[in-house]
Protein backbone atom coordinates (compact mmCIF):
# COMPACT_ATOMS: atom_id res chain seq x y z
CA MET A 1 0.08 0.19 0.25
CA LYS A 2 1.14 3.42 -0.46
CA TYR A 3 0.93 4.73 2.89
CA LYS A 4 1.99 2.59 6.12
CA ALA A 5 -0.63 4.97 8.48
CA VAL A 6 -3.35 7.80 8.24
CA ILE A 7 -3.47 10.04 10.98
CA PHE A 8 -7.05 11.68 11.62
CA ASP A 9 -7.69 14.77 13.34
CA LEU A 10 -10.47 14.61 15.68
CA ASP A 11 -13.06 17.53 15.61
CA GLY A 12 -14.87 17.60 12.47
CA VAL A 13 -13.63 14.31 10.71
CA VAL A 14 -13.96 11.82 13.40
CA VAL A 15 -17.06 13.49 15.00
CA SER A 16 -18.57 16.92 14.91
CA THR A 17 -18.00 18.98 18.46
CA ASP A 18 -18.46 22.20 16.49
CA ASN A 19 -21.90 23.58 17.88
CA TYR A 20 -20.60 22.61 21.17
CA HIS A 21 -17.68 24.74 20.55
CA TYR A 22 -19.69 27.25 19.05
CA GLN A 23 -22.31 27.20 21.89
CA GLY A 24 -19.09 26.90 24.92
CA TRP A 25 -18.14 30.26 23.27
CA LYS A 26 -21.36 31.51 22.26
CA ARG A 27 -21.82 31.77 26.32
CA LEU A 28 -18.86 33.21 27.32
CA ALA A 29 -19.54 36.03 24.89
CA ASP A 30 -22.54 36.35 26.44
CA ASP A 31 -20.69 36.55 29.99
CA GLU A 32 -18.41 39.05 28.91
CA ASN A 33 -21.10 40.61 26.84
CA ILE A 34 -19.04 40.37 23.68
CA TYR A 35 -20.58 39.74 19.98
CA PHE A 36 -20.17 36.33 18.89
CA ASP A 37 -21.74 34.32 15.65
CA ARG A 38 -20.81 31.57 13.64
CA LYS A 39 -19.03 33.41 10.99
CA ILE A 40 -16.73 34.42 13.80
CA ASN A 41 -16.63 31.03 15.20
CA GLU A 42 -15.36 29.86 11.74
CA ARG A 43 -11.85 31.64 12.34
CA GLN A 44 -11.37 29.35 15.21
CA ARG A 45 -11.26 26.05 13.51
CA GLY A 46 -8.34 24.18 14.24
CA VAL A 47 -6.27 26.62 16.12
CA SER A 48 -5.50 26.78 19.93
CA ARG A 49 -7.85 27.31 22.53
CA MET A 50 -6.04 31.04 23.44
CA GLU A 51 -5.70 31.73 19.58
CA SER A 52 -9.43 31.58 19.36
CA LEU A 53 -9.78 33.32 22.46
CA ASP A 54 -8.19 36.03 20.81
CA VAL A 55 -10.47 35.72 17.90
CA LEU A 56 -13.15 36.57 19.83
CA LEU A 57 -11.90 39.44 21.92
CA GLU A 58 -11.45 41.43 18.59
CA LYS A 59 -15.19 42.57 19.18
CA SER A 60 -14.27 43.60 22.47
CA ASP A 61 -13.48 47.09 23.41
CA LYS A 62 -11.82 45.56 26.59
CA ILE A 63 -7.96 45.16 27.62
CA TYR A 64 -8.06 42.06 29.43
CA THR A 65 -4.63 41.04 31.20
CA THR A 66 -3.37 37.05 30.89
CA GLU A 67 -4.40 36.12 33.81
CA GLN A 68 -8.26 37.42 33.08
CA LYS A 69 -7.46 35.42 29.10
CA ILE A 70 -6.33 32.43 30.74
CA GLU A 71 -9.50 32.49 33.52
CA MET A 72 -11.99 33.08 29.90
CA ALA A 73 -10.30 30.40 28.11
CA THR A 74 -10.92 27.62 31.16
CA ARG A 75 -14.68 29.14 31.82
CA LYS A 76 -15.20 28.40 28.29
CA ASN A 77 -14.02 24.40 28.15
CA GLU A 78 -15.66 24.13 31.40
CA TYR A 79 -19.16 24.91 29.63
CA TYR A 80 -17.32 22.82 26.31
CA LYS A 81 -17.25 19.99 28.44
CA GLU A 82 -20.68 20.20 30.13
CA PHE A 83 -22.03 20.18 26.81
CA LEU A 84 -19.51 17.13 25.73
CA LYS A 85 -21.53 14.74 28.36
CA ASP A 86 -24.46 15.08 25.33
CA LEU A 87 -21.71 13.30 22.93
CA THR A 88 -22.56 9.59 22.20
CA PRO A 89 -21.71 6.92 19.15
CA ASP A 90 -24.39 8.24 17.23
CA GLU A 91 -22.22 11.24 16.12
CA ILE A 92 -19.24 9.40 14.98
CA LEU A 93 -19.39 11.00 11.19
CA PRO A 94 -20.39 8.97 8.07
CA GLY A 95 -17.81 6.84 6.52
CA VAL A 96 -15.39 7.54 10.07
CA LEU A 97 -15.92 3.14 10.59
CA LYS A 98 -15.93 2.29 6.80
CA PHE A 99 -13.25 3.87 5.69
CA THR A 100 -10.74 2.97 9.55
CA GLU A 101 -11.71 -0.56 9.35
CA PHE A 102 -10.45 -1.04 5.39
CA LEU A 103 -7.35 0.28 6.75
CA LYS A 104 -6.91 -1.71 9.71
CA SER A 105 -7.67 -5.06 7.25
CA LYS A 106 -5.11 -3.65 5.07
CA GLY A 107 -2.32 -3.45 8.03
CA ILE A 108 -2.44 0.22 7.78
CA LYS A 109 -2.04 2.27 11.64
CA ILE A 110 -4.51 4.67 12.33
CA ALA A 111 -3.63 6.94 14.67
CA ILE A 112 -5.27 10.59 16.00
CA GLY A 113 -3.90 13.88 15.89
CA SER A 114 -5.91 16.60 16.96
CA SER A 115 -4.79 20.03 19.08
CA SER A 116 -7.72 19.25 21.46
CA LYS A 117 -6.99 18.52 25.10
CA ASN A 118 -10.25 16.67 24.96
CA THR A 119 -9.38 14.42 23.02
CA PRO A 120 -9.44 11.31 25.99
CA SER A 121 -12.80 12.38 26.98
CA ILE A 122 -14.07 12.79 23.60
CA LEU A 123 -12.84 9.54 21.97
CA LYS A 124 -14.10 7.68 25.24
CA ASN A 125 -18.01 9.24 24.74
CA ILE A 126 -18.37 8.00 21.34
CA GLY A 127 -16.72 4.47 22.14
CA LEU A 128 -13.92 4.84 20.71
CA ASP A 129 -10.83 5.16 23.35
CA SER A 130 -9.19 2.08 22.84
CA TYR A 131 -9.39 1.95 19.20
CA PHE A 132 -6.76 3.95 16.98
CA ASP A 133 -2.99 2.68 17.85
CA ALA A 134 -1.68 6.08 19.41
CA VAL A 135 -3.65 9.20 19.84
CA ALA A 136 -1.19 12.33 19.99
CA ASP A 137 -3.32 15.52 21.27
CA GLY A 138 -3.25 19.10 22.77
CA ASN A 139 -2.26 17.98 26.43
CA SER A 140 1.73 16.42 24.74
CA ILE A 141 2.16 19.29 22.62
CA LYS A 142 3.54 22.62 22.48
CA ASN A 143 2.76 23.88 19.12
CA SER A 144 -1.12 23.72 17.59
CA LYS A 145 -1.85 23.85 14.21
CA PRO A 146 -0.84 24.70 11.56
CA ASP A 147 2.60 23.98 13.06
CA PRO A 148 3.51 19.98 12.32
CA GLU A 149 4.07 19.36 16.36
CA VAL A 150 0.96 17.18 16.42
CA PHE A 151 1.50 15.31 13.37
CA LEU A 152 4.74 14.61 13.79
CA LEU A 153 4.28 13.36 17.43
CA ALA A 154 1.56 11.02 16.22
CA ALA A 155 3.06 9.65 13.26
CA LYS A 156 6.35 9.01 15.95
CA LEU A 157 4.40 6.81 18.31
CA ILE A 158 3.57 4.85 15.80
CA ASN A 159 7.02 4.48 14.35
CA GLU A 160 6.56 5.73 10.85
CA ALA A 161 8.09 8.24 9.02
CA PRO A 162 6.35 11.57 7.69
CA GLU A 163 6.38 10.71 4.09
CA ASP A 164 4.89 7.26 5.05
CA CYS A 165 2.13 8.76 6.80
CA LEU A 166 -1.46 10.65 5.26
CA VAL A 167 -3.49 12.73 7.06
CA VAL A 168 -7.00 13.42 7.00
CA GLU A 169 -8.05 16.78 7.82
CA ASP A 170 -11.30 19.37 8.23
CA ALA A 171 -10.07 22.37 8.49
CA ASP A 172 -6.99 24.81 6.30
CA ALA A 173 -4.44 25.05 9.23
CA GLY A 174 -4.66 21.52 9.46
CA VAL A 175 -3.92 20.91 5.99
CA GLU A 176 -0.90 23.05 6.60
CA ALA A 177 0.48 21.41 9.08
CA ALA A 178 0.28 18.05 7.33
CA ILE A 179 2.08 19.80 4.33
CA ALA A 180 4.78 21.60 6.65
CA GLY A 181 5.48 17.84 8.45
CA GLY A 182 6.05 16.47 4.98
CA MET A 183 2.91 14.26 5.00
CA ASP A 184 0.10 13.72 2.18
CA VAL A 185 -3.30 14.68 3.42
CA ILE A 186 -6.74 14.33 2.50
CA GLY A 187 -9.67 17.63 2.73
CA VAL A 188 -12.93 16.99 3.97
CA GLY A 189 -15.34 19.16 4.96
CA THR A 190 -14.58 23.07 4.51
CA ALA A 191 -10.93 21.42 4.25
CA SER A 192 -11.84 19.82 0.83
CA SER A 193 -11.88 23.36 -1.04
CA ASN A 194 -8.52 23.67 -0.08
CA LYS A 195 -6.38 23.48 -3.05
CA ASN A 196 -3.01 22.54 -1.41
CA ALA A 197 -4.94 18.83 -0.03
CA THR A 198 -3.66 15.79 -1.50
CA TYR A 199 -7.10 14.48 -2.37
CA SER A 200 -10.26 16.03 -1.66
CA PHE A 201 -13.73 14.58 -0.65
CA ALA A 202 -16.90 16.24 1.05
CA ASP A 203 -16.20 13.14 4.04
CA LEU A 204 -14.74 10.01 4.57
CA ASN A 205 -17.97 8.26 2.94
CA CYS A 206 -16.80 9.30 -0.35
CA VAL A 207 -13.13 8.38 0.16
CA ASP A 208 -11.95 6.40 -2.65
CA PHE A 209 -9.72 3.45 -1.78
CA ASN A 210 -7.68 3.30 -4.63
CA ILE A 211 -5.26 6.68 -3.24
CA LEU A 212 -4.12 4.48 -1.18
CA LYS A 213 -2.56 1.48 -3.62
């Protein structure tokens, strides 16, 4: 096979938590009387929590200290985790299990490469906490996407060279990170229109398995 491993982003690729993130940020914005909508929320995709907070604060006239920002980001995450309790295996995205089972049948390793620090609880809630060969997430990296660190760590954990790994991403920052790490990348969802993606599909249900040969 062309690739020895496939590394999946989590949010928007394996499961959709976008609405939970939106609800968390919207609640924080309402707390602080800051205007926030889904268009602004779209700019937060694929980046770190603190970078996402900076996007939200662009609409505020108030100057926040570092300590206040940390408190706000923490508060948003607590809201988000409350919403995540409603997450179930039914919310695994179309084609995920079909694609991963095919990969397993061909001896291709599968891993998670996500900037989210909530990756363990998300995987547990959807019943996939012991499903992947390795998990690299926001708890084990210093730099968020578009830095390639999380994908390079995932490759290291499964003992494969970056050039032998294929990444699946739904965010432009993730596509950039994969390319920066020397990996081919499938763009799905929003990233399916990214011209830098090696392959593009609407979702994993549409993936042509021939790209793996």
